[in-house]
PDB file of N, CA and C in Angstrom:
ATOM      1  N   MET A   1     -21.007  22.184   6.716  1.00  0.00           N
ATOM      2  CA  MET A   1     -19.837  21.847   6.387  1.00  0.00           C
ATOM      3  C   MET A   1     -19.317  20.812   7.600  1.00  0.00           C
ATOM      4  N   ALA A   2     -19.279  21.174   8.744  1.00  0.00           N
ATOM      5  CA  ALA A   2     -19.562  20.968  10.165  1.00  0.00           C
ATOM      6  C   ALA A   2     -19.369  20.028  10.117  1.00  0.00           C
ATOM      7  N   ASN A   3     -20.372  18.989   9.444  1.00  0.00           N
ATOM      8  CA  ASN A   3     -20.896  17.894   9.573  1.00  0.00           C
ATOM      9  C   ASN A   3     -20.078  17.284   8.315  1.00  0.00           C
ATOM     10  N   LEU A   4     -19.553  17.782   7.379  1.00  0.00           N
ATOM     11  CA  LEU A   4     -18.919  16.891   6.507  1.00  0.00           C
ATOM     12  C   LEU A   4     -17.307  16.806   7.234  1.00  0.00           C
ATOM     13  N   GLN A   5     -17.024  17.973   7.705  1.00  0.00           N
ATOM     14  CA  GLN A   5     -15.810  17.929   8.179  1.00  0.00           C
ATOM     15  C   GLN A   5     -15.298  16.919   9.229  1.00  0.00           C
ATOM     16  N   ILE A   6     -16.335  17.076   9.849  1.00  0.00           N
ATOM     17  CA  ILE A   6     -16.450  16.201  11.317  1.00  0.00           C
ATOM     18  C   ILE A   6     -16.049  13.977  11.007  1.00  0.00           C
ATOM     19  N   THR A   7     -16.955  13.631   9.919  1.00  0.00           N
ATOM     20  CA  THR A   7     -17.333  12.959   9.322  1.00  0.00           C
ATOM     21  C   THR A   7     -15.936  12.492   8.768  1.00  0.00           C
ATOM     22  N   THR A   8     -15.376  13.160   8.189  1.00  0.00           N
ATOM     23  CA  THR A   8     -13.998  13.454   7.613  1.00  0.00           C
ATOM     24  C   THR A   8     -12.532  13.469   7.875  1.00  0.00           C
ATOM     25  N   SER A   9     -12.992  13.933   9.416  1.00  0.00           N
ATOM     26  CA  SER A   9     -11.709  14.126  10.256  1.00  0.00           C
ATOM     27  C   SER A   9     -11.915  12.016  10.746  1.00  0.00           C
ATOM     28  N   LEU A  10     -13.338  12.357  11.611  1.00  0.00           N
ATOM     29  CA  LEU A  10     -13.560  10.728  12.079  1.00  0.00           C
ATOM     30  C   LEU A  10     -13.142   9.158  11.672  1.00  0.00           C
ATOM     31  N   LEU A  11     -13.224   9.285   9.782  1.00  0.00           N
ATOM     32  CA  LEU A  11     -13.119   8.181   8.848  1.00  0.00           C
ATOM     33  C   LEU A  11     -11.100   8.615   8.940  1.00  0.00           C
ATOM     34  N   GLY A  12     -10.619   9.675   8.796  1.00  0.00           N
ATOM     35  CA  GLY A  12      -9.214   9.381   8.816  1.00  0.00           C
ATOM     36  C   GLY A  12      -9.132   8.530   9.942  1.00  0.00           C
ATOM     37  N   LEU A  13      -8.863   9.424  11.356  1.00  0.00           N
ATOM     38  CA  LEU A  13      -8.517   8.490  12.318  1.00  0.00           C
ATOM     39  C   LEU A  13      -9.099   7.245  12.614  1.00  0.00           C
ATOM     40  N   GLY A  14     -10.618   6.820  11.830  1.00  0.00           N
ATOM     41  CA  GLY A  14     -10.285   5.939  11.705  1.00  0.00           C
ATOM     42  C   GLY A  14      -9.537   5.040  11.031  1.00  0.00           C
ATOM     43  N   LEU A  15      -9.393   5.311   9.989  1.00  0.00           N
ATOM     44  CA  LEU A  15      -8.342   4.853   9.027  1.00  0.00           C
ATOM     45  C   LEU A  15      -6.914   4.327   9.899  1.00  0.00           C
ATOM     46  N   ALA A  16      -7.000   5.164  10.123  1.00  0.00           N
ATOM     47  CA  ALA A  16      -5.312   5.068  10.963  1.00  0.00           C
ATOM     48  C   ALA A  16      -5.168   4.519  12.659  1.00  0.00           C
ATOM     49  N   VAL A  17      -6.108   4.349  13.006  1.00  0.00           N
ATOM     50  CA  VAL A  17      -6.621   2.944  13.839  1.00  0.00           C
ATOM     51  C   VAL A  17      -6.694   1.586  13.708  1.00  0.00           C
ATOM     52  N   LEU A  18      -7.714   1.538  12.415  1.00  0.00           N
ATOM     53  CA  LEU A  18      -7.327   0.150  11.889  1.00  0.00           C
ATOM     54  C   LEU A  18      -6.529  -0.165  11.672  1.00  0.00           C
ATOM     55  N   ILE A  19      -5.463   0.708  11.112  1.00  0.00           N
ATOM     56  CA  ILE A  19      -4.151   0.303  10.037  1.00  0.00           C
ATOM     57  C   ILE A  19      -3.405   0.097  11.177  1.00  0.00           C
ATOM     58  N   LEU A  20      -3.049   0.694  12.828  1.00  0.00           N
ATOM     59  CA  LEU A  20      -2.108   0.271  13.548  1.00  0.00           C
ATOM     60  C   LEU A  20      -2.584  -0.726  15.166  1.00  0.00           C
ATOM     61  N   HIS A  21      -4.184  -1.220  14.852  1.00  0.00           N
ATOM     62  CA  HIS A  21      -4.510  -2.026  14.460  1.00  0.00           C
ATOM     63  C   HIS A  21      -4.446  -3.901  13.802  1.00  0.00           C
ATOM     64  N   LEU A  22      -4.639  -3.587  12.155  1.00  0.00           N
ATOM     65  CA  LEU A  22      -3.327  -4.616  11.974  1.00  0.00           C
ATOM     66  C   LEU A  22      -2.379  -4.438  12.325  1.00  0.00           C
ATOM     67  N   LEU A  23      -1.945  -3.977  12.309  1.00  0.00           N
ATOM     68  CA  LEU A  23       0.666  -3.728  11.971  1.00  0.00           C
ATOM     69  C   LEU A  23       0.679  -4.988  13.374  1.00  0.00           C
ATOM     70  N   ARG A  24      -0.300  -4.071  14.483  1.00  0.00           N
ATOM     71  CA  ARG A  24       0.073  -4.448  15.849  1.00  0.00           C
ATOM     72  C   ARG A  24      -0.225  -6.641  15.693  1.00  0.00           C
ATOM     73  N   ARG A  25      -1.728  -6.593  14.764  1.00  0.00           N
ATOM     74  CA  ARG A  25      -2.118  -8.067  13.970  1.00  0.00           C
ATOM     75  C   ARG A  25      -0.790  -8.991  13.627  1.00  0.00           C
ATOM     76  N   ASP A  26       0.344  -7.563  13.065  1.00  0.00           N
ATOM     77  CA  ASP A  26       1.214  -8.670  12.072  1.00  0.00           C
ATOM     78  C   ASP A  26      -0.086  -8.834  10.583  1.00  0.00           C
ATOM     79  N   HIS A  27      -0.672  -8.211  10.637  1.00  0.00           N
ATOM     80  CA  HIS A  27      -1.690  -8.610   8.967  1.00  0.00           C
ATOM     81  C   HIS A  27      -1.417  -8.068   8.217  1.00  0.00           C
ATOM     82  N   ILE A  28      -0.025  -7.094   8.338  1.00  0.00           N
ATOM     83  CA  ILE A  28       0.831  -5.749   7.244  1.00  0.00           C
ATOM     84  C   ILE A  28       1.897  -5.851   7.927  1.00  0.00           C
ATOM     85  N   TYR A  29       2.416  -5.493   6.488  1.00  0.00           N
ATOM     86  CA  TYR A  29       3.996  -4.844   6.332  1.00  0.00           C
ATOM     87  C   TYR A  29       4.070  -3.194   7.237  1.00  0.00           C
ATOM     88  N   ILE A  30       5.219  -3.467   7.202  1.00  0.00           N
ATOM     89  CA  ILE A  30       5.585  -1.967   8.342  1.00  0.00           C
ATOM     90  C   ILE A  30       5.370  -1.457   7.275  1.00  0.00           C
ATOM     91  N   LEU A  31       5.912  -0.951   5.950  1.00  0.00           N
ATOM     92  CA  LEU A  31       5.433   0.200   5.363  1.00  0.00           C
ATOM     93  C   LEU A  31       4.985   0.204   4.592  1.00  0.00           C
ATOM     94  N   HIS A  32       4.327  -1.205   4.553  1.00  0.00           N
ATOM     95  CA  HIS A  32       2.542   0.129   3.489  1.00  0.00           C
ATOM     96  C   HIS A  32       2.261   0.205   4.283  1.00  0.00           C
ATOM     97  N   ALA A  33       1.429  -0.291   6.024  1.00  0.00           N
ATOM     98  CA  ALA A  33       1.652   0.612   7.495  1.00  0.00           C
ATOM     99  C   ALA A  33       1.906   1.973   7.033  1.00  0.00           C
ATOM    100  N   LEU A  34       2.692   2.410   7.058  1.00  0.00           N
ATOM    101  CA  LEU A  34       3.349   4.053   7.997  1.00  0.00           C
ATOM    102  C   LEU A  34       2.600   4.360   6.347  1.00  0.00           C
ATOM    103  N   PHE A  35       2.397   3.683   5.178  1.00  0.00           N
ATOM    104  CA  PHE A  35       1.873   4.734   3.791  1.00  0.00           C
ATOM    105  C   PHE A  35      -0.057   5.104   3.942  1.00  0.00           C
ATOM    106  N   TRP A  36       0.109   3.890   4.431  1.00  0.00           N
ATOM    107  CA  TRP A  36      -2.248   4.220   4.816  1.00  0.00           C
ATOM    108  C   TRP A  36      -2.121   5.230   5.626  1.00  0.00           C
ATOM    109  N   ILE A  37      -0.915   4.908   6.665  1.00  0.00           N
ATOM    110  CA  ILE A  37      -1.249   5.904   7.927  1.00  0.00           C
ATOM    111  C   ILE A  37      -1.071   7.598   7.585  1.00  0.00           C
ATOM    112  N   VAL A  38       0.019   7.388   6.709  1.00  0.00           N
ATOM    113  CA  VAL A  38      -0.063   8.699   6.342  1.00  0.00           C
ATOM    114  C   VAL A  38      -1.223   9.557   5.911  1.00  0.00           C
ATOM    115  N   ILE A  39      -1.719   8.719   5.076  1.00  0.00           N
ATOM    116  CA  ILE A  39      -3.173   8.276   4.081  1.00  0.00           C
ATOM    117  C   ILE A  39      -4.504   9.299   5.417  1.00  0.00           C
ATOM    118  N   ALA A  40      -5.011   8.115   6.085  1.00  0.00           N
ATOM    119  CA  ALA A  40      -5.008   8.935   7.140  1.00  0.00           C
ATOM    120  C   ALA A  40      -5.447   9.492   7.799  1.00  0.00           C
ATOM    121  N   VAL A  41      -3.594  10.742   7.676  1.00  0.00           N
ATOM    122  CA  VAL A  41      -3.568  12.115   8.593  1.00  0.00           C
ATOM    123  C   VAL A  41      -3.879  13.127   7.840  1.00  0.00           C
ATOM    124  N   LEU A  42      -3.411  12.733   6.399  1.00  0.00           N
ATOM    125  CA  LEU A  42      -3.631  13.615   5.446  1.00  0.00           C
ATOM    126  C   LEU A  42      -5.432  13.741   5.471  1.00  0.00           C
ATOM    127  N   ALA A  43      -5.688  12.330   5.788  1.00  0.00           N
ATOM    128  CA  ALA A  43      -7.588  12.964   5.364  1.00  0.00           C
ATOM    129  C   ALA A  43      -7.843  13.293   6.434  1.00  0.00           C
ATOM    130  N   ALA A  44      -7.603  13.048   7.196  1.00  0.00           N
ATOM    131  CA  ALA A  44      -8.166  13.555   8.716  1.00  0.00           C
ATOM    132  C   ALA A  44      -7.216  15.053   9.192  1.00  0.00           C
ATOM    133  N   LEU A  45      -6.004  15.659   8.857  1.00  0.00           N
ATOM    134  CA  LEU A  45      -6.610  17.010   8.563  1.00  0.00           C
ATOM    135  C   LEU A  45      -6.805  17.781   6.801  1.00  0.00           C
ATOM    136  N   LEU A  46      -6.718  17.387   6.494  1.00  0.00           N
ATOM    137  CA  LEU A  46      -7.638  17.401   4.961  1.00  0.00           C
ATOM    138  C   LEU A  46      -9.212  17.564   5.859  1.00  0.00           C
ATOM    139  N   GLY A  47      -9.908  16.774   6.573  1.00  0.00           N
ATOM    140  CA  GLY A  47     -10.973  17.503   6.621  1.00  0.00           C
ATOM    141  C   GLY A  47     -11.534  18.480   8.213  1.00  0.00           C
ATOM    142  N   LEU A  48     -10.045  17.958   9.357  1.00  0.00           N
ATOM    143  CA  LEU A  48     -10.443  20.059   9.990  1.00  0.00           C
ATOM    144  C   LEU A  48     -10.523  20.728   9.825  1.00  0.00           C
ATOM    145  N   TRP A  49      -9.718  21.017   8.581  1.00  0.00           N
ATOM    146  CA  TRP A  49      -8.838  22.235   7.716  1.00  0.00           C
ATOM    147  C   TRP A  49      -9.064  21.965   6.580  1.00  0.00           C
ATOM    148  N   PRO A  50     -10.318  22.118   6.159  1.00  0.00           N
ATOM    149  CA  PRO A  50     -10.691  21.930   4.595  1.00  0.00           C
ATOM    150  C   PRO A  50     -10.410  23.494   3.707  1.00  0.00           C
ATOM    151  N   GLY A  51      -9.251  23.924   4.536  1.00  0.00           N
ATOM    152  CA  GLY A  51      -8.587  25.138   3.563  1.00  0.00           C
ATOM    153  C   GLY A  51      -7.412  24.619   3.013  1.00  0.00           C
ATOM    154  N   LEU A  52      -7.459  24.043   3.702  1.00  0.00           N
ATOM    155  CA  LEU A  52      -5.463  23.205   3.318  1.00  0.00           C
ATOM    156  C   LEU A  52      -6.175  22.972   1.439  1.00  0.00           C
ATOM    157  N   ILE A  53      -6.776  22.367   1.564  1.00  0.00           N
ATOM    158  CA  ILE A  53      -6.885  21.944  -0.085  1.00  0.00           C
ATOM    159  C   ILE A  53      -7.434  23.623  -1.343  1.00  0.00           C
ATOM    160  N   ASP A  54      -7.733  24.420  -0.725  1.00  0.00           N
ATOM    161  CA  ASP A  54      -7.710  25.548  -1.603  1.00  0.00           C
ATOM    162  C   ASP A  54      -6.715  26.348  -1.132  1.00  0.00           C
ATOM    163  N   ARG A  55      -5.108  25.739  -0.061  1.00  0.00           N
ATOM    164  CA  ARG A  55      -4.608  26.640  -0.674  1.00  0.00           C
ATOM    165  C   ARG A  55      -3.372  25.674  -1.685  1.00  0.00           C
ATOM    166  N   ALA A  56      -3.563  23.768  -1.235  1.00  0.00           N
ATOM    167  CA  ALA A  56      -2.863  23.572  -2.875  1.00  0.00           C
ATOM    168  C   ALA A  56      -3.227  23.401  -3.798  1.00  0.00           C
ATOM    169  N   ALA A  57      -4.305  23.542  -4.236  1.00  0.00           N
ATOM    170  CA  ALA A  57      -4.434  24.398  -5.486  1.00  0.00           C
ATOM    171  C   ALA A  57      -3.982  24.839  -6.050  1.00  0.00           C
ATOM    172  N   GLY A  58      -4.558  25.909  -5.047  1.00  0.00           N
ATOM    173  CA  GLY A  58      -3.437  27.738  -5.037  1.00  0.00           C
ATOM    174  C   GLY A  58      -2.661  27.552  -5.905  1.00  0.00           C
ATOM    175  N   TRP A  59      -1.519  26.821  -5.097  1.00  0.00           N
ATOM    176  CA  TRP A  59      -0.076  26.295  -4.802  1.00  0.00           C
ATOM    177  C   TRP A  59       1.081  26.310  -6.884  1.00  0.00           C
ATOM    178  N   ILE A  60      -0.408  24.861  -7.274  1.00  0.00           N
ATOM    179  CA  ILE A  60      -0.470  24.093  -7.596  1.00  0.00           C
ATOM    180  C   ILE A  60      -0.890  24.678  -8.798  1.00  0.00           C
ATOM    181  N   GLY A  61      -1.868  25.647  -8.743  1.00  0.00           N
ATOM    182  CA  GLY A  61      -2.615  26.595 -10.074  1.00  0.00           C
ATOM    183  C   GLY A  61      -3.717  25.662 -11.240  1.00  0.00           C
ATOM    184  N   ILE A  62      -4.365  24.988  -9.382  1.00  0.00           N
ATOM    185  CA  ILE A  62      -5.952  24.751 -10.368  1.00  0.00           C
ATOM    186  C   ILE A  62      -6.591  24.946 -10.045  1.00  0.00           C
ATOM    187  N   SER A  63      -7.441  26.102 -10.792  1.00  0.00           N
ATOM    188  CA  SER A  63      -9.367  26.655  -9.874  1.00  0.00           C
ATOM    189  C   SER A  63      -9.849  26.284  -9.186  1.00  0.00           C
ATOM    190  N   TYR A  64      -9.191  24.323  -9.546  1.00  0.00           N
ATOM    191  CA  TYR A  64     -11.203  24.169  -9.021  1.00  0.00           C
ATOM    192  C   TYR A  64     -10.976  23.392  -7.882  1.00  0.00           C
ATOM    193  N   PRO A  65     -10.138  23.064  -6.539  1.00  0.00           N
ATOM    194  CA  PRO A  65      -9.411  22.867  -5.386  1.00  0.00           C
ATOM    195  C   PRO A  65     -10.134  20.939  -5.594  1.00  0.00           C
ATOM    196  N   PRO A  66     -11.042  20.722  -5.748  1.00  0.00           N
ATOM    197  CA  PRO A  66     -11.738  19.381  -5.698  1.00  0.00           C
ATOM    198  C   PRO A  66     -10.997  18.497  -6.386  1.00  0.00           C
ATOM    199  N   ALA A  67     -11.028  18.618  -8.643  1.00  0.00           N
ATOM    200  CA  ALA A  67     -10.274  18.782  -8.378  1.00  0.00           C
ATOM    201  C   ALA A  67      -8.428  18.535  -8.696  1.00  0.00           C
ATOM    202  N   ALA A  68      -8.115  19.145  -7.620  1.00  0.00           N
ATOM    203  CA  ALA A  68      -7.149  19.109  -6.659  1.00  0.00           C
ATOM    204  C   ALA A  68      -7.261  17.498  -5.447  1.00  0.00           C
ATOM    205  N   LEU A  69      -7.742  17.176  -5.202  1.00  0.00           N
ATOM    206  CA  LEU A  69      -8.372  16.567  -4.888  1.00  0.00           C
ATOM    207  C   LEU A  69      -8.313  14.969  -5.465  1.00  0.00           C
ATOM    208  N   LEU A  70      -8.886  15.386  -6.419  1.00  0.00           N
ATOM    209  CA  LEU A  70      -9.042  13.828  -6.730  1.00  0.00           C
ATOM    210  C   LEU A  70      -7.486  13.907  -7.955  1.00  0.00           C
ATOM    211  N   LEU A  71      -6.983  14.593  -8.222  1.00  0.00           N
ATOM    212  CA  LEU A  71      -6.174  14.316  -9.549  1.00  0.00           C
ATOM    213  C   LEU A  71      -4.565  13.720  -8.049  1.00  0.00           C
ATOM    214  N   GLY A  72      -4.291  14.405  -6.637  1.00  0.00           N
ATOM    215  CA  GLY A  72      -3.152  14.199  -5.923  1.00  0.00           C
ATOM    216  C   GLY A  72      -3.933  12.771  -5.371  1.00  0.00           C
ATOM    217  N   ALA A  73      -5.007  12.069  -4.607  1.00  0.00           N
ATOM    218  CA  ALA A  73      -5.699  10.333  -4.724  1.00  0.00           C
ATOM    219  C   ALA A  73      -4.947  10.409  -6.067  1.00  0.00           C
ATOM    220  N   VAL A  74      -5.612  10.332  -7.572  1.00  0.00           N
ATOM    221  CA  VAL A  74      -4.531   9.368  -8.427  1.00  0.00           C
ATOM    222  C   VAL A  74      -3.455   9.381  -8.671  1.00  0.00           C
ATOM    223  N   VAL A  75      -2.941  10.468  -8.333  1.00  0.00           N
ATOM    224  CA  VAL A  75      -1.998   9.859  -8.138  1.00  0.00           C
ATOM    225  C   VAL A  75      -1.049   8.834  -7.583  1.00  0.00           C
ATOM    226  N   VAL A  76      -1.941   9.330  -6.169  1.00  0.00           N
ATOM    227  CA  VAL A  76      -1.083   8.796  -4.971  1.00  0.00           C
ATOM    228  C   VAL A  76      -1.618   7.242  -4.523  1.00  0.00           C
ATOM    229  N   LEU A  77      -2.696   6.429  -5.465  1.00  0.00           N
ATOM    230  CA  LEU A  77      -2.823   5.736  -5.859  1.00  0.00           C
ATOM    231  C   LEU A  77      -2.174   4.976  -6.924  1.00  0.00           C
ATOM    232  N   PHE A  78      -1.999   5.743  -7.995  1.00  0.00           N
ATOM    233  CA  PHE A  78      -1.122   5.099  -8.919  1.00  0.00           C
ATOM    234  C   PHE A  78       0.279   4.449  -8.942  1.00  0.00           C
ATOM    235  N   VAL A  79       1.358   5.332  -7.847  1.00  0.00           N
ATOM    236  CA  VAL A  79       2.034   5.508  -7.290  1.00  0.00           C
ATOM    237  C   VAL A  79       2.275   4.193  -6.044  1.00  0.00           C
ATOM    238  N   LYS A  80       1.003   4.120  -5.573  1.00  0.00           N
ATOM    239  CA  LYS A  80       0.854   2.962  -4.941  1.00  0.00           C
ATOM    240  C   LYS A  80       0.383   0.966  -5.963  1.00  0.00           C
ATOM    241  N   SER A  81      -0.339   2.137  -7.167  1.00  0.00           N
ATOM    242  CA  SER A  81      -0.294   0.483  -7.963  1.00  0.00           C
ATOM    243  C   SER A  81       1.256   0.493  -7.991  1.00  0.00           C
ATOM    244  N   LEU A  82       1.438   1.311  -8.794  1.00  0.00           N
ATOM    245  CA  LEU A  82       2.993   0.185  -9.424  1.00  0.00           C
ATOM    246  C   LEU A  82       4.278   0.895  -7.951  1.00  0.00           C
ATOM    247  N   TYR A  83       4.275   0.810  -6.877  1.00  0.00           N
ATOM    248  CA  TYR A  83       4.793  -0.382  -6.180  1.00  0.00           C
ATOM    249  C   TYR A  83       5.126  -1.140  -6.071  1.00  0.00           C
ATOM    250  N   ALA A  84       2.964  -1.903  -5.832  1.00  0.00           N
ATOM    251  CA  ALA A  84       3.677  -3.432  -5.400  1.00  0.00           C
ATOM    252  C   ALA A  84       2.665  -4.263  -7.355  1.00  0.00           C
ATOM    253  N   ASP A  85       2.867  -3.488  -7.793  1.00  0.00           N
ATOM    254  CA  ASP A  85       3.706  -4.321  -9.237  1.00  0.00           C
ATOM    255  C   ASP A  85       5.205  -4.769  -9.067  1.00  0.00           C
ATOM    256  N   ILE A  86       5.968  -3.519  -8.271  1.00  0.00           N
ATOM    257  CA  ILE A  86       7.586  -3.679  -9.089  1.00  0.00           C
ATOM    258  C   ILE A  86       7.175  -5.158  -7.389  1.00  0.00           C
ATOM    259  N   THR A  87       7.308  -4.932  -6.461  1.00  0.00           N
ATOM    260  CA  THR A  87       7.276  -5.641  -5.236  1.00  0.00           C
ATOM    261  C   THR A  87       6.542  -7.510  -5.230  1.00  0.00           C
ATOM    262  N   ASN A  88       5.430  -6.827  -6.782  1.00  0.00           N
ATOM    263  CA  ASN A  88       5.032  -9.175  -6.708  1.00  0.00           C
ATOM    264  C   ASN A  88       6.221  -9.358  -7.266  1.00  0.00           C
ATOM    265  N   THR A  89       6.523  -7.805  -8.606  1.00  0.00           N
ATOM    266  CA  THR A  89       7.778  -8.917  -9.506  1.00  0.00           C
ATOM    267  C   THR A  89       8.828  -8.990  -8.929  1.00  0.00           C
ATOM    268  N   ARG A  90       9.480  -8.856  -7.785  1.00  0.00           N
ATOM    269  CA  ARG A  90      10.645  -9.333  -6.664  1.00  0.00           C
ATOM    270  C   ARG A  90      10.214 -10.090  -6.509  1.00  0.00           C
ATOM    271  N   LEU A  91       9.397 -10.088  -6.435  1.00  0.00           N
ATOM    272  CA  LEU A  91       8.869 -11.514  -5.557  1.00  0.00           C
ATOM    273  C   LEU A  91       8.819 -12.832  -6.456  1.00  0.00           C
ATOM    274  N   GLU A  92       8.412 -12.751  -6.670  1.00  0.00           N
ATOM    275  CA  GLU A  92       7.895 -13.692  -8.675  1.00  0.00           C
ATOM    276  C   GLU A  92       9.642 -14.147  -9.089  1.00  0.00           C
ATOM    277  N   ARG A  93       9.940 -13.308  -9.703  1.00  0.00           N
ATOM    278  CA  ARG A  93      12.147 -13.633  -9.313  1.00  0.00           C
ATOM    279  C   ARG A  93      12.417 -14.648  -8.186  1.00  0.00           C
ATOM    280  N   GLN A  94      12.049 -13.773  -7.495  1.00  0.00           N
ATOM    281  CA  GLN A  94      13.022 -14.825  -6.211  1.00  0.00           C
ATOM    282  C   GLN A  94      12.591 -15.909  -5.474  1.00  0.00           C
ATOM    283  N   LEU A  95      10.557 -16.352  -6.366  1.00  0.00           N
ATOM    284  CA  LEU A  95      10.162 -17.331  -6.156  1.00  0.00           C
ATOM    285  C   LEU A  95      10.604 -18.858  -6.985  1.00  0.00           C
ATOM    286  N   ARG A  96      11.042 -17.808  -8.310  1.00  0.00           N
ATOM    287  CA  ARG A  96      10.645 -18.018  -9.649  1.00  0.00           C
ATOM    288  C   ARG A  96      12.461 -19.314  -9.071  1.00  0.00           C
ATOM    289  N   ARG A  97      13.453 -18.243  -8.718  1.00  0.00           N
ATOM    290  CA  ARG A  97      15.296 -18.518  -8.155  1.00  0.00           C
ATOM    291  C   ARG A  97      15.192 -20.526  -7.701  1.00  0.00           C
ATOM    292  N   LEU A  98      14.255 -19.873  -6.616  1.00  0.00           N
ATOM    293  CA  LEU A  98      13.982 -20.482  -5.372  1.00  0.00           C
ATOM    294  C   LEU A  98      13.628 -21.713  -5.897  1.00  0.00           C
ATOM    295  N   ASN A  99      12.454 -21.716  -6.984  1.00  0.00           N
ATOM    296  CA  ASN A  99      11.834 -23.173  -7.305  1.00  0.00           C
ATOM    297  C   ASN A  99      12.867 -23.762  -8.027  1.00  0.00           C
ATOM    298  N   GLN A 100      13.873 -23.140  -9.312  1.00  0.00           N
ATOM    299  CA  GLN A 100      14.627 -23.814  -9.543  1.00  0.00           C
ATOM    300  C   GLN A 100      16.040 -24.779  -8.444  1.00  0.00           C
ATOM    301  N   ARG A 101      16.384 -23.348  -8.121  1.00  0.00           N
ATOM    302  CA  ARG A 101      17.601 -24.131  -6.845  1.00  0.00           C
ATOM    303  C   ARG A 101      17.161 -25.946  -6.070  1.00  0.00           C
ATOM    304  N   ILE A 102      15.550 -25.907  -5.936  1.00  0.00           N
ATOM    305  CA  ILE A 102      14.910 -27.128  -5.217  1.00  0.00           C
ATOM    306  C   ILE A 102      14.917 -27.717  -6.191  1.00  0.00           C
ATOM    307  N   ALA A 103      14.753 -27.627  -7.661  1.00  0.00           N
ATOM    308  CA  ALA A 103      15.050 -28.727  -8.676  1.00  0.00           C
ATOM    309  C   ALA A 103      16.172 -28.907  -8.582  1.00  0.00           C
ATOM    310  N   LEU A 104      17.281 -28.273  -8.424  1.00  0.00           N
ATOM    311  CA  LEU A 104      18.393 -28.972  -8.612  1.00  0.00           C
ATOM    312  C   LEU A 104      19.247 -29.163  -7.586  1.00  0.00           C
ATOM    313  N   LEU A 105      18.640 -29.541  -6.608  1.00  0.00           N
ATOM    314  CA  LEU A 105      18.842 -29.557  -5.280  1.00  0.00           C
ATOM    315  C   LEU A 105      18.534 -31.336  -5.253  1.00  0.00           C
ATOM    316  N   ASP A 106      17.079 -31.119  -5.531  1.00  0.00           N
ATOM    317  CA  ASP A 106      16.108 -32.478  -5.956  1.00  0.00           C
ATOM    318  C   ASP A 106      16.895 -33.723  -7.022  1.00  0.00           C
ATOM    319  N   ALA A 107      16.988 -32.956  -8.031  1.00  0.00           N
ATOM    320  CA  ALA A 107      18.319 -33.686  -9.306  1.00  0.00           C
ATOM    321  C   ALA A 107      19.277 -34.301  -8.548  1.00  0.00           C
ATOM    322  N   GLN A 108      20.149 -33.476  -7.597  1.00  0.00           N
ATOM    323  CA  GLN A 108      21.593 -33.658  -7.088  1.00  0.00           C
ATOM    324  C   GLN A 108      20.971 -34.812  -6.438  1.00  0.00           C
ATOM    325  N   SER A 109      20.394 -34.839  -5.751  1.00  0.00           N
ATOM    326  CA  SER A 109      20.609 -36.218  -5.078  1.00  0.00           C
ATOM    327  C   SER A 109      20.628 -36.813  -4.377  1.00  0.00           C
ATOM    328  N   PRO A 110      20.781 -38.345  -4.002  1.00  0.00           N
ATOM    329  CA  PRO A 110      20.934 -39.049  -4.187  1.00  0.00           C
ATOM    330  C   PRO A 110      19.458 -40.529  -4.275  1.00  0.00           C
ATOM    331  N   SER A 111      19.491 -39.591  -3.395  1.00  0.00           N
ATOM    332  CA  SER A 111      17.354 -40.356  -2.631  1.00  0.00           C
ATOM    333  C   SER A 111      16.707 -39.669  -3.990  1.00  0.00           C
ATOM    334  N   ALA A 112      17.110 -38.943  -4.892  1.00  0.00           N
ATOM    335  CA  ALA A 112      16.130 -38.623  -6.219  1.00  0.00           C
ATOM    336  C   ALA A 112      15.456 -39.802  -6.467  1.00  0.00           C
ATOM    337  N   ASP A 113      16.877 -40.337  -6.798  1.00  0.00           N
ATOM    338  CA  ASP A 113      17.116 -41.391  -7.869  1.00  0.00           C
ATOM    339  C   ASP A 113      16.703 -43.174  -7.522  1.00  0.00           C
ATOM    340  N   GLN A 114      16.408 -42.695  -6.202  1.00  0.00           N
ATOM    341  CA  GLN A 114      15.245 -44.405  -5.328  1.00  0.00           C
ATOM    342  C   GLN A 114      13.403 -43.609  -5.011  1.00  0.00           C
ATOM    343  N   ASP A 115      13.781 -42.560  -5.031  1.00  0.00           N
ATOM    344  CA  ASP A 115      12.127 -41.574  -4.945  1.00  0.00           C
ATOM    345  C   ASP A 115      11.388 -41.951  -6.466  1.00  0.00           C
ATOM    346  N   ALA A 116      12.001 -42.267  -6.848  1.00  0.00           N
ATOM    347  CA  ALA A 116      11.541 -42.595  -8.939  1.00  0.00           C
ATOM    348  C   ALA A 116      11.442 -43.501  -8.980  1.00  0.00           C
ATOM    349  N   ASP A 117      11.710 -44.822  -8.687  1.00  0.00           N
ATOM    350  CA  ASP A 117      11.418 -45.913  -8.562  1.00  0.00           C
ATOM    351  C   ASP A 117      10.163 -46.547  -8.516  1.00  0.00           C
ATOM    352  N   LYS A 118      10.110 -45.217  -6.696  1.00  0.00           N
ATOM    353  CA  LYS A 118       9.195 -45.662  -5.696  1.00  0.00           C
ATOM    354  C   LYS A 118       7.560 -45.622  -6.425  1.00  0.00           C
ATOM    355  N   VAL A 119       8.582 -44.193  -7.275  1.00  0.00           N
ATOM    356  CA  VAL A 119       6.579 -44.121  -7.702  1.00  0.00           C
ATOM    357  C   VAL A 119       6.018 -44.263  -8.871  1.00  0.00           C
TER     358      VAL A 119
END
């Protein structure tokens, strides 16, 4: 059991270091990095104190603690996926509006007629 605790803790800490590296290199947005750092810290805590899973499962009323852990992981991934879809939809809407504005500006500019004649 000690090997599993050490492995899980090291994986959590390694993930936190990787996220901090990606954040420092500006490869990941800060709000996304904060989310993943929280996940990494939780993984490290659960690795160091696996009894936390048992207690949390008992508070929720789940008799098999690994099922509580899997349920929590599924819920977190579902929320992350939903947030990503919301963000993606907002960006697509902004991009569509920006393209429409550019098309309107191109149509209104006097050089648009001259450029069309050249083609």
